[in-house]
Protein backbone atom coordinates (compact mmCIF):
# COMPACT_ATOMS: atom_id res chain seq x y z
CA UNK A 1 100.32 104.98 76.99
CA UNK A 2 99.03 101.94 78.82
CA UNK A 3 100.22 102.65 82.34
CA UNK A 4 100.79 105.82 84.32
CA UNK A 5 101.57 106.43 87.99
CA UNK A 6 98.53 107.52 89.98
CA UNK A 7 99.42 110.68 91.97
CA UNK A 8 99.16 110.34 95.72
CA UNK A 9 95.69 111.58 96.60
CA UNK A 10 94.68 113.67 99.57
CA UNK A 11 93.37 110.73 101.51
CA UNK A 12 96.73 108.96 101.08
CA UNK A 13 98.22 111.53 103.43
CA UNK A 14 95.11 111.84 105.59
CA UNK A 15 95.33 108.31 106.99
CA UNK A 16 96.18 108.76 110.68
CA UNK A 17 98.42 106.40 112.62
CA UNK A 18 99.62 107.14 116.12
CA UNK A 19 102.17 104.30 116.06
CA UNK A 20 105.70 104.82 114.74
CA UNK A 21 105.21 104.76 110.99
CA UNK A 22 107.50 106.59 108.59
CA UNK A 23 105.30 107.30 105.56
CA UNK A 24 108.08 109.13 103.76
CA UNK A 25 110.24 106.02 103.78
CA UNK A 26 107.57 104.31 101.66
CA UNK A 27 106.91 107.19 99.26
CA UNK A 28 109.08 105.83 96.44
CA UNK A 29 107.62 102.32 96.79
CA UNK A 30 104.06 103.61 96.90
CA UNK A 31 104.53 105.71 93.77
CA UNK A 32 105.94 102.64 92.05
CA UNK A 33 102.93 100.60 93.13
CA UNK A 34 100.43 103.33 92.22
CA UNK A 35 100.61 102.47 88.53
CA UNK A 36 97.28 101.95 86.77
CA UNK A 37 97.36 99.52 83.84
CA UNK A 38 94.55 99.61 81.27
CA UNK A 39 94.92 95.98 80.24
CA UNK A 40 94.36 94.79 83.82
CA UNK A 41 91.21 96.87 84.21
CA UNK A 42 89.74 95.80 80.86
CA UNK A 43 90.50 92.12 81.51
CA UNK A 44 89.06 92.32 85.03
CA UNK A 45 85.73 93.59 83.68
CA UNK A 46 85.71 91.21 80.70
CA UNK A 47 86.29 88.04 82.68
CA UNK A 48 83.44 88.79 85.11
CA UNK A 49 81.00 89.01 82.23
CA UNK A 50 82.45 85.89 80.59
CA UNK A 51 81.76 83.93 83.79
CA UNK A 52 78.26 85.42 84.05
CA UNK A 53 77.50 84.58 80.40
CA UNK A 54 78.77 81.02 80.80
CA UNK A 55 76.63 80.58 83.92
CA UNK A 56 73.49 81.71 82.09
CA UNK A 57 74.35 79.49 79.11
CA UNK A 58 74.77 76.57 81.50
CA UNK A 59 71.25 77.11 82.84
CA UNK A 60 69.78 77.38 79.35
CA UNK A 61 71.53 74.19 78.31
CA UNK A 62 70.86 72.06 81.41
CA UNK A 63 67.61 73.62 82.67
CA UNK A 64 67.41 71.70 85.97
CA UNK A 65 66.62 73.24 89.35
CA UNK A 66 70.11 72.55 90.66
CA UNK A 67 71.65 74.24 87.61
CA UNK A 68 69.68 77.40 88.41
CA UNK A 69 70.87 77.31 92.03
CA UNK A 70 74.50 76.70 91.06
CA UNK A 71 74.43 79.48 88.47
CA UNK A 72 72.84 81.90 90.95
CA UNK A 73 75.62 81.23 93.46
CA UNK A 74 78.36 81.80 90.87
CA UNK A 75 76.67 84.92 89.47
CA UNK A 76 76.25 86.38 92.97
CA UNK A 77 80.02 86.11 93.43
CA UNK A 78 80.59 88.00 90.16
CA UNK A 79 78.11 90.67 91.26
CA UNK A 80 80.27 91.15 94.33
CA UNK A 81 83.28 91.38 92.02
CA UNK A 82 81.54 94.06 89.94
CA UNK A 83 80.98 96.09 93.12
CA UNK A 84 84.70 95.77 93.86
CA UNK A 85 85.46 97.10 90.39
CA UNK A 86 83.18 100.08 91.03
CA UNK A 87 85.29 100.65 94.14
CA UNK A 88 88.43 100.56 92.00
CA UNK A 89 86.87 103.03 89.57
CA UNK A 90 85.90 105.32 92.44
CA UNK A 91 89.65 105.64 93.14
CA UNK A 92 90.38 106.01 89.39
CA UNK A 93 92.16 102.67 89.26
CA UNK A 94 90.20 101.03 86.42
CA UNK A 95 91.65 102.92 83.42
CA UNK A 96 94.24 105.65 83.05
CA UNK A 97 91.70 107.94 81.38
CA UNK A 98 89.33 108.96 84.15
CA UNK A 99 86.34 109.80 81.93
CA UNK A 100 86.67 106.51 80.06
CA UNK A 101 87.05 104.72 83.39
CA UNK A 102 83.78 106.17 84.66
CA UNK A 103 81.96 105.24 81.45
CA UNK A 104 83.27 101.67 81.55
CA UNK A 105 82.49 101.33 85.25
CA UNK A 106 78.97 102.72 84.89
CA UNK A 107 77.94 100.67 81.85
CA UNK A 108 79.44 97.31 82.82
CA UNK A 109 79.80 97.39 86.61
CA UNK A 110 77.69 100.02 88.39
CA UNK A 111 74.47 100.30 86.35
CA UNK A 112 73.93 96.51 86.30
CA UNK A 113 74.16 96.66 90.12
CA UNK A 114 71.68 99.59 90.27
CA UNK A 115 74.26 102.12 91.43
CA UNK A 116 76.44 104.80 89.82
CA UNK A 117 80.20 105.21 90.02
CA UNK A 118 80.01 108.88 90.99
CA UNK A 119 77.34 108.21 93.63
CA UNK A 120 79.48 105.53 95.22
CA UNK A 121 82.60 107.70 94.93
CA UNK A 122 81.07 110.56 96.90
CA UNK A 123 80.25 108.48 99.99
CA UNK A 124 83.39 106.39 99.71
CA UNK A 125 85.62 109.48 99.75
CA UNK A 126 83.87 110.64 102.93
CA UNK A 127 84.41 107.19 104.43
CA UNK A 128 88.16 107.39 103.79
CA UNK A 129 88.48 110.85 105.27
CA UNK A 130 86.38 110.25 108.38
CA UNK A 131 86.69 106.54 109.19
CA UNK A 132 84.35 105.43 111.99
CA UNK A 133 83.19 108.93 112.93
CA UNK A 134 79.86 110.74 112.56
CA UNK A 135 81.06 112.05 109.19
CA UNK A 136 81.62 108.51 107.89
CA UNK A 137 78.42 107.45 106.04
CA UNK A 138 79.22 103.74 106.51
CA UNK A 139 79.66 104.19 110.25
CA UNK A 140 76.40 106.16 110.53
CA UNK A 141 74.57 103.36 108.74
CA UNK A 142 76.01 100.75 111.10
CA UNK A 143 74.94 102.72 114.17
CA UNK A 144 71.33 102.59 112.99
CA UNK A 145 71.38 98.88 112.22
CA UNK A 146 72.18 96.39 114.99
CA UNK A 147 72.98 93.67 112.42
CA UNK A 148 76.32 95.37 111.62
CA UNK A 149 77.59 95.15 115.21
CA UNK A 150 80.27 92.53 115.88
CA UNK A 151 81.69 90.45 117.50
CA UNK A 152 78.77 88.32 118.62
CA UNK A 153 78.14 84.66 119.39
CA UNK A 154 78.32 81.99 116.71
CA UNK A 155 74.56 81.63 116.89
CA UNK A 156 74.13 85.38 116.55
CA UNK A 157 76.41 85.43 113.52
CA UNK A 158 74.50 82.54 111.93
CA UNK A 159 71.18 84.34 112.44
CA UNK A 160 72.44 87.51 110.77
CA UNK A 161 73.80 85.63 107.76
CA UNK A 162 70.61 83.58 107.51
CA UNK A 163 68.69 86.85 107.54
CA UNK A 164 70.74 88.00 104.56
CA UNK A 165 70.24 84.71 102.76
CA UNK A 166 66.44 84.71 103.03
CA UNK A 167 66.08 88.43 102.31
CA UNK A 168 65.14 89.59 105.82
CA UNK A 169 67.74 92.38 105.66
CA UNK A 170 67.11 93.27 102.01
CA UNK A 171 65.30 96.56 102.85
CA UNK A 172 68.27 97.76 104.93
CA UNK A 173 70.71 96.82 102.16
CA UNK A 174 68.62 98.72 99.60
CA UNK A 175 68.63 101.81 101.84
CA UNK A 176 72.43 101.71 101.94
CA UNK A 177 72.59 101.79 98.15
CA UNK A 178 69.98 104.51 97.51
CA UNK A 179 72.52 107.38 97.77
CA UNK A 180 74.73 105.54 95.25
CA UNK A 181 71.93 104.91 92.74
CA UNK A 182 70.91 106.94 89.70
CA UNK A 183 67.33 107.27 90.96
CA UNK A 184 68.39 108.22 94.48
CA UNK A 185 70.71 110.93 93.21
CA UNK A 186 68.12 112.21 90.73
CA UNK A 187 65.61 112.54 93.60
CA UNK A 188 68.15 114.35 95.78
CA UNK A 189 68.70 111.43 98.17
CA UNK A 190 72.39 111.03 97.44
CA UNK A 191 75.27 113.19 96.41
CA UNK A 192 75.23 115.52 93.45
CA UNK A 193 72.54 115.23 90.80
CA UNK A 194 73.58 113.09 87.81
CA UNK A 195 75.43 115.04 85.13
CA UNK A 196 74.23 115.30 81.53
CA UNK A 197 76.74 112.64 80.55
CA UNK A 198 75.43 110.33 83.28
CA UNK A 199 71.82 110.96 82.19
CA UNK A 200 72.74 110.08 78.62
CA UNK A 201 74.66 106.90 79.36
CA UNK A 202 72.05 105.69 81.86
CA UNK A 203 69.30 106.22 79.27
CA UNK A 204 71.32 104.34 76.65
CA UNK A 205 72.12 101.53 79.09
CA UNK A 206 68.50 101.19 80.27
CA UNK A 207 67.19 101.16 76.69
CA UNK A 208 69.69 98.50 75.69
CA UNK A 209 68.99 96.46 78.82
CA UNK A 210 65.21 96.42 78.35
CA UNK A 211 65.53 95.72 74.63
CA UNK A 212 67.93 92.83 75.18
CA UNK A 213 65.77 91.10 77.81
CA UNK A 214 62.62 91.59 75.74
CA UNK A 215 64.11 90.24 72.51
CA UNK A 216 65.72 87.25 74.24
CA UNK A 217 62.81 86.50 76.57
CA UNK A 218 65.26 86.69 79.45
CA UNK A 219 63.12 88.41 82.11
CA UNK A 220 62.71 85.26 84.22
CA UNK A 221 66.43 84.57 84.02
CA UNK A 222 67.12 88.14 85.10
CA UNK A 223 64.78 87.82 88.07
CA UNK A 224 66.07 84.46 89.32
CA UNK A 225 69.73 84.63 88.30
CA UNK A 226 70.42 88.34 88.83
CA UNK A 227 67.93 90.26 90.96
CA UNK A 228 67.29 87.61 93.61
CA UNK A 229 70.97 86.64 94.16
CA UNK A 230 72.02 90.32 94.29
CA UNK A 231 69.67 90.93 97.23
CA UNK A 232 70.42 87.74 99.16
CA UNK A 233 73.51 85.62 98.38
CA UNK A 234 75.67 88.55 97.40
CA UNK A 235 74.64 90.59 100.42
CA UNK A 236 75.62 87.75 102.75
CA UNK A 237 79.16 87.73 101.29
CA UNK A 238 79.20 91.54 101.28
CA UNK A 239 78.39 91.65 105.00
CA UNK A 240 81.18 89.22 105.92
CA UNK A 241 83.68 91.32 104.00
CA UNK A 242 82.41 94.63 105.43
CA UNK A 243 82.43 93.60 109.09
CA UNK A 244 85.94 92.21 108.70
CA UNK A 245 87.13 95.44 107.08
CA UNK A 246 85.96 97.73 109.91
CA UNK A 247 84.84 97.48 113.53
CA UNK A 248 81.96 99.96 113.76
CA UNK A 249 83.13 101.46 117.03
CA UNK A 250 84.18 105.07 117.78
CA UNK A 251 87.34 106.14 116.00
CA UNK A 252 90.70 106.17 117.77
CA UNK A 253 93.71 108.37 116.94
CA UNK A 254 95.19 105.37 115.12
CA UNK A 255 93.54 104.27 111.88
CA UNK A 256 95.19 100.88 112.19
CA UNK A 257 92.56 100.17 114.85
CA UNK A 258 89.79 100.96 112.36
CA UNK A 259 90.79 98.76 109.41
CA UNK A 260 92.12 95.24 108.92
CA UNK A 261 94.11 93.07 106.52
CA UNK A 262 93.48 89.39 105.83
CA UNK A 263 96.80 88.11 104.56
CA UNK A 264 96.18 84.62 103.21
CA UNK A 265 92.58 84.43 102.04
CA UNK A 266 91.81 81.05 100.45
CA UNK A 267 90.73 80.75 96.81
CA UNK A 268 87.13 80.24 98.01
CA UNK A 269 87.30 83.41 100.11
CA UNK A 270 88.84 85.40 97.28
CA UNK A 271 86.14 84.21 94.89
CA UNK A 272 83.11 84.80 97.11
CA UNK A 273 84.08 87.23 99.89
CA UNK A 274 87.10 89.32 98.88
CA UNK A 275 87.44 89.69 95.11
CA UNK A 276 90.26 91.79 93.71
CA UNK A 277 92.39 91.70 96.86
CA UNK A 278 89.71 93.36 98.98
CA UNK A 279 91.23 91.42 101.87
CA UNK A 280 94.07 93.97 102.08
CA UNK A 281 91.81 96.70 103.42
CA UNK A 282 94.17 98.29 105.92
CA UNK A 283 96.83 98.50 103.23
CA UNK A 284 94.27 100.14 100.95
CA UNK A 285 93.24 102.69 103.57
CA UNK A 286 96.80 103.70 104.31
CA UNK A 287 97.62 104.16 100.62
CA UNK A 288 94.43 104.43 98.51
CA UNK A 289 96.42 105.35 95.39
CA UNK A 290 97.56 101.72 95.02
CA UNK A 291 95.32 99.63 92.69
CA UNK A 292 94.13 96.20 93.75
CA UNK A 293 96.75 94.21 91.82
CA UNK A 294 99.59 95.86 93.77
CA UNK A 295 98.07 95.54 97.24
CA UNK A 296 99.82 92.23 98.09
CA UNK A 297 103.19 93.88 97.40
CA UNK A 298 102.21 96.89 99.51
CA UNK A 299 101.14 94.55 102.30
CA UNK A 300 104.57 92.91 102.26
CA UNK A 301 106.23 96.30 102.63
CA UNK A 302 103.93 97.24 105.50
CA UNK A 303 104.75 93.98 107.28
CA UNK A 304 108.24 95.38 107.77
CA UNK A 305 106.74 98.07 110.03
CA UNK A 306 105.07 97.55 113.41
CA UNK A 307 101.54 98.26 112.19
CA UNK A 308 100.11 94.76 112.36
CA UNK A 309 98.68 93.22 115.49
CA UNK A 310 97.52 89.63 114.90
CA UNK A 311 93.96 88.99 115.98
CA UNK A 312 93.12 92.70 115.98
CA UNK A 313 93.94 94.27 112.63
CA UNK A 314 95.62 91.31 110.95
CA UNK A 315 94.12 87.87 110.23
CA UNK A 316 95.28 84.92 108.18
CA UNK A 317 91.95 83.91 106.62
CA UNK A 318 88.30 84.88 106.72
CA UNK A 319 86.56 81.66 107.72
CA UNK A 320 88.83 78.93 109.04
CA UNK A 321 91.22 78.45 111.92
CA UNK A 322 92.25 80.15 115.15
CA UNK A 323 93.81 83.06 113.27
CA UNK A 324 90.73 83.72 111.12
CA UNK A 325 88.56 86.80 111.14
CA UNK A 326 85.57 84.49 111.69
CA UNK A 327 87.05 83.36 115.00
CA UNK A 328 87.23 87.00 116.09
CA UNK A 329 83.76 87.94 114.80
CA UNK A 330 82.18 85.06 116.72
CA UNK A 331 84.20 85.55 119.91
CA UNK A 332 81.54 87.19 122.08
CA UNK A 333 81.33 85.28 125.36
CA UNK A 334 84.42 83.18 124.60
CA UNK A 335 87.15 85.76 125.19
CA UNK A 336 86.05 87.45 128.37
CA UNK A 337 89.41 89.10 128.83
CA UNK A 338 89.11 90.95 125.54
CA UNK A 339 87.12 94.16 125.18
CA UNK A 340 84.10 93.51 122.99
CA UNK A 341 81.22 95.50 121.66
CA UNK A 342 78.15 95.74 123.92
CA UNK A 343 76.04 93.61 121.62
CA UNK A 344 73.15 91.43 122.72
CA UNK A 345 72.15 88.64 120.37
């Protein structure tokens, strides 16, 4: 059986909206859209690694400085995509068989990014249940790190992104991922300790990884085309996506104030900032049972309600135009009539 409906999970019903919103009227549609298809998950993982392999082959063939830079940029975007697939797996959207989904996610998505699916799942479930409160691990992280506070001035935004690009914020990014990682969990710095199955597959993956790089002489390529981009270029794109998804301010009784949708992300934005329909984040929070490939259809159904408020929880694009999330994130000092975060650049 290649596709089965994903049952509505607890956090589907836990999403809180104070505005008029008849969830029951959408139940049939949501169940229809909560179908997980194995072929989509397998192809999603496969094509990321095809692009990564072609990028490395391009460097080997051309071997010029600009080829290394170009490949690093492309690979960083696919690293971001792999993180998005871990997110899908954390909601059991990658494959219909949950154990197989976790194995696939760990070996080809999470372990290469130095995290584990189960470690990410634990914190992400807490995030869904307690958005922007003290119990939300993402919100707690943002309160300790001024760089996550937006909106700010254009200059302030540029400085934060430049800090990501040159690695200034790398230590803070690493701290975020420690609870998700195999090592962090093994040392008791994350959720539950890794299971026997996780120990086994991590050992097999690590052995294969070290053997492959040693036999191919690929350690330098790994350092410059994988490690360095994952801590700089990818984190810059990750930050843009994260600060658009949530304002890290105290929670309100209406979750539609805590999450946002970007309706018409450009191909560039989808490739680098919001892979796998990550732009439909409010839609995802309201109905987490819906896999990424059905989020655009869910968004269209939600547009028939009164949930969306342009410029607040609904934007057209990420980077360009008056109706972009970027315009909002860099609005400090320009829109004096609008309430903004007390942020000093």
